[in-house]
């Protein structure tokens, strides 16, 4: 069972600069982010199948998870 993670912008560096990566379904997103080496606190928005979810969402088989980073400024 797999799902796709599609990070946007700087978050792509955590998956080797690729546009997407296959991840195992059945785990909370927060755990998956940690396994990828991506600090959960730098993810500002999570869209699963184009619907907003929180980082405790349990990834399901076939999900497409889009991750958008916190945008800093000053």
PDB file of N, CA and C in Angstrom:
ATOM      1  N   UNK A   1       0.842  -1.166   0.000  1.00  0.00           N
ATOM      2  CA  UNK A   1       0.000   0.000   0.000  1.00  0.00           C
ATOM      3  C   UNK A   1       0.894   1.239   0.000  1.00  0.00           C
ATOM      4  N   UNK A   2       0.684   2.089  -0.980  1.00  0.00           N
ATOM      5  CA  UNK A   2       1.509   3.286  -1.069  1.00  0.00           C
ATOM      6  C   UNK A   2       0.668   4.527  -1.350  1.00  0.00           C
ATOM      7  N   UNK A   3       1.288   5.656  -1.102  1.00  0.00           N
ATOM      8  CA  UNK A   3       0.718   6.963  -1.388  1.00  0.00           C
ATOM      9  C   UNK A   3       1.840   7.813  -1.967  1.00  0.00           C
ATOM     10  N   UNK A   4       1.486   8.971  -2.506  1.00  0.00           N
ATOM     11  CA  UNK A   4       2.487   9.874  -3.066  1.00  0.00           C
ATOM     12  C   UNK A   4       2.583  11.137  -2.227  1.00  0.00           C
ATOM     13  N   UNK A   5       3.809  11.544  -1.959  1.00  0.00           N
ATOM     14  CA  UNK A   5       4.089  12.817  -1.301  1.00  0.00           C
ATOM     15  C   UNK A   5       4.580  13.761  -2.383  1.00  0.00           C
ATOM     16  N   UNK A   6       3.973  14.940  -2.469  1.00  0.00           N
ATOM     17  CA  UNK A   6       4.375  15.950  -3.451  1.00  0.00           C
ATOM     18  C   UNK A   6       4.711  17.257  -2.724  1.00  0.00           C
ATOM     19  N   UNK A   7       5.965  17.403  -2.325  1.00  0.00           N
ATOM     20  CA  UNK A   7       6.350  18.640  -1.665  1.00  0.00           C
ATOM     21  C   UNK A   7       6.509  19.779  -2.669  1.00  0.00           C
ATOM     22  N   UNK A   8       6.285  20.998  -2.194  1.00  0.00           N
ATOM     23  CA  UNK A   8       6.387  22.182  -3.047  1.00  0.00           C
ATOM     24  C   UNK A   8       7.594  23.005  -2.599  1.00  0.00           C
ATOM     25  N   UNK A   9       8.306  23.570  -3.560  1.00  0.00           N
ATOM     26  CA  UNK A   9       9.412  24.481  -3.276  1.00  0.00           C
ATOM     27  C   UNK A   9      10.554  23.823  -2.532  1.00  0.00           C
ATOM     28  N   UNK A  10      11.011  24.502  -1.487  1.00  0.00           N
ATOM     29  CA  UNK A  10      12.180  24.061  -0.729  1.00  0.00           C
ATOM     30  C   UNK A  10      11.991  22.670  -0.110  1.00  0.00           C
ATOM     31  N   UNK A  11      10.764  22.249   0.110  1.00  0.00           N
ATOM     32  CA  UNK A  11      10.514  20.934   0.703  1.00  0.00           C
ATOM     33  C   UNK A  11      10.979  19.795  -0.197  1.00  0.00           C
ATOM     34  N   UNK A  12      11.129  20.054  -1.485  1.00  0.00           N
ATOM     35  CA  UNK A  12      11.610  19.014  -2.408  1.00  0.00           C
ATOM     36  C   UNK A  12      13.011  18.538  -2.044  1.00  0.00           C
ATOM     37  N   UNK A  13      13.780  19.371  -1.363  1.00  0.00           N
ATOM     38  CA  UNK A  13      15.147  18.970  -1.000  1.00  0.00           C
ATOM     39  C   UNK A  13      15.143  17.745  -0.091  1.00  0.00           C
ATOM     40  N   UNK A  14      14.063  17.537   0.637  1.00  0.00           N
ATOM     41  CA  UNK A  14      13.984  16.396   1.556  1.00  0.00           C
ATOM     42  C   UNK A  14      13.732  15.074   0.829  1.00  0.00           C
ATOM     43  N   UNK A  15      13.366  15.144  -0.443  1.00  0.00           N
ATOM     44  CA  UNK A  15      13.190  13.913  -1.225  1.00  0.00           C
ATOM     45  C   UNK A  15      14.109  13.927  -2.444  1.00  0.00           C
ATOM     46  N   UNK A  16      15.268  14.539  -2.270  1.00  0.00           N
ATOM     47  CA  UNK A  16      16.287  14.531  -3.317  1.00  0.00           C
ATOM     48  C   UNK A  16      15.990  15.442  -4.494  1.00  0.00           C
ATOM     49  N   UNK A  17      15.164  16.462  -4.287  1.00  0.00           N
ATOM     50  CA  UNK A  17      14.852  17.401  -5.358  1.00  0.00           C
ATOM     51  C   UNK A  17      13.816  16.913  -6.348  1.00  0.00           C
ATOM     52  N   UNK A  18      13.260  15.729  -6.098  1.00  0.00           N
ATOM     53  CA  UNK A  18      12.250  15.177  -7.004  1.00  0.00           C
ATOM     54  C   UNK A  18      10.895  15.842  -6.786  1.00  0.00           C
ATOM     55  N   UNK A  19       9.999  15.674  -7.747  1.00  0.00           N
ATOM     56  CA  UNK A  19       8.660  16.241  -7.644  1.00  0.00           C
ATOM     57  C   UNK A  19       7.744  15.447  -6.722  1.00  0.00           C
ATOM     58  N   UNK A  20       7.999  14.142  -6.593  1.00  0.00           N
ATOM     59  CA  UNK A  20       7.161  13.315  -5.736  1.00  0.00           C
ATOM     60  C   UNK A  20       7.930  12.092  -5.284  1.00  0.00           C
ATOM     61  N   UNK A  21       7.413  11.477  -4.226  1.00  0.00           N
ATOM     62  CA  UNK A  21       8.015  10.256  -3.695  1.00  0.00           C
ATOM     63  C   UNK A  21       6.912   9.343  -3.200  1.00  0.00           C
ATOM     64  N   UNK A  22       7.081   8.059  -3.408  1.00  0.00           N
ATOM     65  CA  UNK A  22       6.138   7.064  -2.893  1.00  0.00           C
ATOM     66  C   UNK A  22       6.470   6.796  -1.427  1.00  0.00           C
ATOM     67  N   UNK A  23       5.436   6.746  -0.598  1.00  0.00           N
ATOM     68  CA  UNK A  23       5.604   6.450   0.822  1.00  0.00           C
ATOM     69  C   UNK A  23       4.605   5.373   1.222  1.00  0.00           C
ATOM     70  N   UNK A  24       4.879   4.746   2.338  1.00  0.00           N
ATOM     71  CA  UNK A  24       4.007   3.690   2.831  1.00  0.00           C
ATOM     72  C   UNK A  24       2.737   4.278   3.429  1.00  0.00           C
ATOM     73  N   UNK A  25       1.605   3.722   3.069  1.00  0.00           N
ATOM     74  CA  UNK A  25       0.318   4.127   3.631  1.00  0.00           C
ATOM     75  C   UNK A  25       0.136   3.471   5.003  1.00  0.00           C
ATOM     76  N   UNK A  26      -0.850   3.968   5.753  1.00  0.00           N
ATOM     77  CA  UNK A  26      -1.173   3.377   7.048  1.00  0.00           C
ATOM     78  C   UNK A  26      -0.460   4.009   8.217  1.00  0.00           C
ATOM     79  N   UNK A  27       0.313   5.056   7.964  1.00  0.00           N
ATOM     80  CA  UNK A  27       1.036   5.754   9.027  1.00  0.00           C
ATOM     81  C   UNK A  27       0.571   7.202   9.101  1.00  0.00           C
ATOM     82  N   UNK A  28       0.681   7.806  10.290  1.00  0.00           N
ATOM     83  CA  UNK A  28       0.367   9.237  10.379  1.00  0.00           C
ATOM     84  C   UNK A  28       1.351  10.054   9.544  1.00  0.00           C
ATOM     85  N   UNK A  29       0.868  11.114   8.950  1.00  0.00           N
ATOM     86  CA  UNK A  29       1.724  11.965   8.129  1.00  0.00           C
ATOM     87  C   UNK A  29       2.910  12.483   8.927  1.00  0.00           C
ATOM     88  N   UNK A  30       2.689  12.870  10.153  1.00  0.00           N
ATOM     89  CA  UNK A  30       3.767  13.398  11.001  1.00  0.00           C
ATOM     90  C   UNK A  30       4.927  12.392  11.089  1.00  0.00           C
ATOM     91  N   UNK A  31       4.609  11.116  11.244  1.00  0.00           N
ATOM     92  CA  UNK A  31       5.634  10.071  11.311  1.00  0.00           C
ATOM     93  C   UNK A  31       6.364   9.954   9.975  1.00  0.00           C
ATOM     94  N   UNK A  32       5.628  10.005   8.886  1.00  0.00           N
ATOM     95  CA  UNK A  32       6.220   9.912   7.558  1.00  0.00           C
ATOM     96  C   UNK A  32       7.175  11.073   7.306  1.00  0.00           C
ATOM     97  N   UNK A  33       6.762  12.280   7.702  1.00  0.00           N
ATOM     98  CA  UNK A  33       7.630  13.450   7.539  1.00  0.00           C
ATOM     99  C   UNK A  33       8.940  13.248   8.291  1.00  0.00           C
ATOM    100  N   UNK A  34       8.855  12.770   9.523  1.00  0.00           N
ATOM    101  CA  UNK A  34      10.058  12.535  10.318  1.00  0.00           C
ATOM    102  C   UNK A  34      10.964  11.498   9.670  1.00  0.00           C
ATOM    103  N   UNK A  35      10.370  10.452   9.109  1.00  0.00           N
ATOM    104  CA  UNK A  35      11.165   9.421   8.447  1.00  0.00           C
ATOM    105  C   UNK A  35      11.878   9.953   7.203  1.00  0.00           C
ATOM    106  N   UNK A  36      11.285  10.963   6.572  1.00  0.00           N
ATOM    107  CA  UNK A  36      11.912  11.601   5.409  1.00  0.00           C
ATOM    108  C   UNK A  36      12.962  12.630   5.825  1.00  0.00           C
ATOM    109  N   UNK A  37      13.069  12.893   7.135  1.00  0.00           N
ATOM    110  CA  UNK A  37      13.997  13.902   7.627  1.00  0.00           C
ATOM    111  C   UNK A  37      13.452  15.308   7.514  1.00  0.00           C
ATOM    112  N   UNK A  38      12.152  15.427   7.298  1.00  0.00           N
ATOM    113  CA  UNK A  38      11.504  16.726   7.119  1.00  0.00           C
ATOM    114  C   UNK A  38      10.872  17.151   8.447  1.00  0.00           C
ATOM    115  N   UNK A  39      11.363  18.230   9.058  1.00  0.00           N
ATOM    116  CA  UNK A  39      10.769  18.685  10.317  1.00  0.00           C
ATOM    117  C   UNK A  39       9.297  19.069  10.108  1.00  0.00           C
ATOM    118  N   UNK A  40       8.372  18.440  10.822  1.00  0.00           N
ATOM    119  CA  UNK A  40       6.950  18.740  10.619  1.00  0.00           C
ATOM    120  C   UNK A  40       6.600  20.217  10.784  1.00  0.00           C
ATOM    121  N   UNK A  41       7.325  20.925  11.622  1.00  0.00           N
ATOM    122  CA  UNK A  41       6.983  22.331  11.873  1.00  0.00           C
ATOM    123  C   UNK A  41       7.262  23.246  10.685  1.00  0.00           C
ATOM    124  N   UNK A  42       8.019  22.790   9.673  1.00  0.00           N
ATOM    125  CA  UNK A  42       8.250  23.644   8.502  1.00  0.00           C
ATOM    126  C   UNK A  42       7.167  23.462   7.441  1.00  0.00           C
ATOM    127  N   UNK A  43       6.255  22.525   7.680  1.00  0.00           N
ATOM    128  CA  UNK A  43       5.138  22.313   6.757  1.00  0.00           C
ATOM    129  C   UNK A  43       3.951  23.134   7.258  1.00  0.00           C
ATOM    130  N   UNK A  44       3.529  24.102   6.441  1.00  0.00           N
ATOM    131  CA  UNK A  44       2.440  24.992   6.834  1.00  0.00           C
ATOM    132  C   UNK A  44       1.071  24.476   6.423  1.00  0.00           C
ATOM    133  N   UNK A  45       1.021  23.772   5.284  1.00  0.00           N
ATOM    134  CA  UNK A  45      -0.263  23.335   4.746  1.00  0.00           C
ATOM    135  C   UNK A  45      -0.133  21.935   4.172  1.00  0.00           C
ATOM    136  N   UNK A  46      -1.115  21.098   4.503  1.00  0.00           N
ATOM    137  CA  UNK A  46      -1.182  19.732   3.998  1.00  0.00           C
ATOM    138  C   UNK A  46      -2.481  19.582   3.223  1.00  0.00           C
ATOM    139  N   UNK A  47      -2.376  19.178   1.961  1.00  0.00           N
ATOM    140  CA  UNK A  47      -3.554  18.879   1.154  1.00  0.00           C
ATOM    141  C   UNK A  47      -3.499  17.409   0.764  1.00  0.00           C
ATOM    142  N   UNK A  48      -4.525  16.668   1.139  1.00  0.00           N
ATOM    143  CA  UNK A  48      -4.615  15.257   0.779  1.00  0.00           C
ATOM    144  C   UNK A  48      -5.757  15.122  -0.208  1.00  0.00           C
ATOM    145  N   UNK A  49      -5.423  14.707  -1.415  1.00  0.00           N
ATOM    146  CA  UNK A  49      -6.431  14.612  -2.477  1.00  0.00           C
ATOM    147  C   UNK A  49      -7.192  15.933  -2.610  1.00  0.00           C
ATOM    148  N   UNK A  50      -6.440  17.031  -2.543  1.00  0.00           N
ATOM    149  CA  UNK A  50      -6.947  18.399  -2.685  1.00  0.00           C
ATOM    150  C   UNK A  50      -7.849  18.870  -1.549  1.00  0.00           C
ATOM    151  N   UNK A  51      -7.811  18.184  -0.396  1.00  0.00           N
ATOM    152  CA  UNK A  51      -8.567  18.608   0.779  1.00  0.00           C
ATOM    153  C   UNK A  51      -7.600  18.823   1.936  1.00  0.00           C
ATOM    154  N   UNK A  52      -7.765  19.940   2.643  1.00  0.00           N
ATOM    155  CA  UNK A  52      -6.866  20.252   3.741  1.00  0.00           C
ATOM    156  C   UNK A  52      -6.999  19.232   4.872  1.00  0.00           C
ATOM    157  N   UNK A  53      -5.844  18.802   5.384  1.00  0.00           N
ATOM    158  CA  UNK A  53      -5.783  17.864   6.506  1.00  0.00           C
ATOM    159  C   UNK A  53      -4.724  18.363   7.478  1.00  0.00           C
ATOM    160  N   UNK A  54      -4.705  17.778   8.682  1.00  0.00           N
ATOM    161  CA  UNK A  54      -3.640  18.126   9.614  1.00  0.00           C
ATOM    162  C   UNK A  54      -2.536  17.070   9.538  1.00  0.00           C
ATOM    163  N   UNK A  55      -1.466  17.319  10.260  1.00  0.00           N
ATOM    164  CA  UNK A  55      -0.296  16.440  10.173  1.00  0.00           C
ATOM    165  C   UNK A  55      -0.500  15.112  10.887  1.00  0.00           C
ATOM    166  N   UNK A  56      -1.606  14.959  11.613  1.00  0.00           N
ATOM    167  CA  UNK A  56      -1.909  13.690  12.274  1.00  0.00           C
ATOM    168  C   UNK A  56      -2.774  12.778  11.401  1.00  0.00           C
ATOM    169  N   UNK A  57      -3.080  13.236  10.202  1.00  0.00           N
ATOM    170  CA  UNK A  57      -3.851  12.430   9.251  1.00  0.00           C
ATOM    171  C   UNK A  57      -3.109  11.120   8.971  1.00  0.00           C
ATOM    172  N   UNK A  58      -3.840  10.020   8.959  1.00  0.00           N
ATOM    173  CA  UNK A  58      -3.247   8.716   8.628  1.00  0.00           C
ATOM    174  C   UNK A  58      -3.338   8.525   7.116  1.00  0.00           C
ATOM    175  N   UNK A  59      -2.193   8.397   6.494  1.00  0.00           N
ATOM    176  CA  UNK A  59      -2.110   8.278   5.038  1.00  0.00           C
ATOM    177  C   UNK A  59      -2.771   6.979   4.580  1.00  0.00           C
ATOM    178  N   UNK A  60      -3.620   7.099   3.559  1.00  0.00           N
ATOM    179  CA  UNK A  60      -4.340   5.956   3.010  1.00  0.00           C
ATOM    180  C   UNK A  60      -3.747   5.550   1.662  1.00  0.00           C
ATOM    181  N   UNK A  61      -3.967   4.314   1.283  1.00  0.00           N
ATOM    182  CA  UNK A  61      -3.483   3.808   0.006  1.00  0.00           C
ATOM    183  C   UNK A  61      -4.049   4.657  -1.134  1.00  0.00           C
ATOM    184  N   UNK A  62      -3.183   5.120  -2.008  1.00  0.00           N
ATOM    185  CA  UNK A  62      -3.604   5.902  -3.158  1.00  0.00           C
ATOM    186  C   UNK A  62      -3.700   7.401  -2.924  1.00  0.00           C
ATOM    187  N   UNK A  63      -3.491   7.849  -1.682  1.00  0.00           N
ATOM    188  CA  UNK A  63      -3.540   9.280  -1.402  1.00  0.00           C
ATOM    189  C   UNK A  63      -2.448  10.033  -2.155  1.00  0.00           C
ATOM    190  N   UNK A  64      -2.746  11.279  -2.506  1.00  0.00           N
ATOM    191  CA  UNK A  64      -1.744  12.204  -3.030  1.00  0.00           C
ATOM    192  C   UNK A  64      -1.667  13.344  -2.008  1.00  0.00           C
ATOM    193  N   UNK A  65      -0.504  13.457  -1.369  1.00  0.00           N
ATOM    194  CA  UNK A  65      -0.310  14.412  -0.276  1.00  0.00           C
ATOM    195  C   UNK A  65       0.587  15.541  -0.762  1.00  0.00           C
ATOM    196  N   UNK A  66       0.028  16.743  -0.827  1.00  0.00           N
ATOM    197  CA  UNK A  66       0.788  17.922  -1.240  1.00  0.00           C
ATOM    198  C   UNK A  66       1.188  18.685   0.009  1.00  0.00           C
ATOM    199  N   UNK A  67       2.484  19.025   0.093  1.00  0.00           N
ATOM    200  CA  UNK A  67       3.022  19.713   1.256  1.00  0.00           C
ATOM    201  C   UNK A  67       3.525  21.096   0.861  1.00  0.00           C
ATOM    202  N   UNK A  68       3.115  22.101   1.600  1.00  0.00           N
ATOM    203  CA  UNK A  68       3.533  23.475   1.326  1.00  0.00           C
ATOM    204  C   UNK A  68       4.246  23.998   2.571  1.00  0.00           C
ATOM    205  N   UNK A  69       5.412  24.614   2.350  1.00  0.00           N
ATOM    206  CA  UNK A  69       6.272  25.061   3.448  1.00  0.00           C
ATOM    207  C   UNK A  69       5.804  26.384   4.039  1.00  0.00           C
ATOM    208  N   UNK A  70       6.278  26.602   5.273  1.00  0.00           N
ATOM    209  CA  UNK A  70       6.127  27.898   5.920  1.00  0.00           C
ATOM    210  C   UNK A  70       6.916  28.901   5.092  1.00  0.00           C
ATOM    211  N   UNK A  71       6.335  30.053   4.848  1.00  0.00           N
ATOM    212  CA  UNK A  71       7.021  31.090   4.086  1.00  0.00           C
ATOM    213  C   UNK A  71       7.503  32.150   5.057  1.00  0.00           C
ATOM    214  N   UNK A  72       8.809  32.370   5.060  1.00  0.00           N
ATOM    215  CA  UNK A  72       9.392  33.362   5.950  1.00  0.00           C
ATOM    216  C   UNK A  72       9.538  34.696   5.248  1.00  0.00           C
ATOM    217  N   UNK A  73       9.633  35.706   6.023  1.00  0.00           N
ATOM    218  CA  UNK A  73       9.826  37.027   5.455  1.00  0.00           C
ATOM    219  C   UNK A  73      10.273  37.993   6.526  1.00  0.00           C
ATOM    220  N   UNK A  74      10.469  39.182   6.152  1.00  0.00           N
ATOM    221  CA  UNK A  74      10.917  40.115   7.161  1.00  0.00           C
ATOM    222  C   UNK A  74      10.845  41.471   6.719  1.00  0.00           C
TER     223      UNK A  74
END
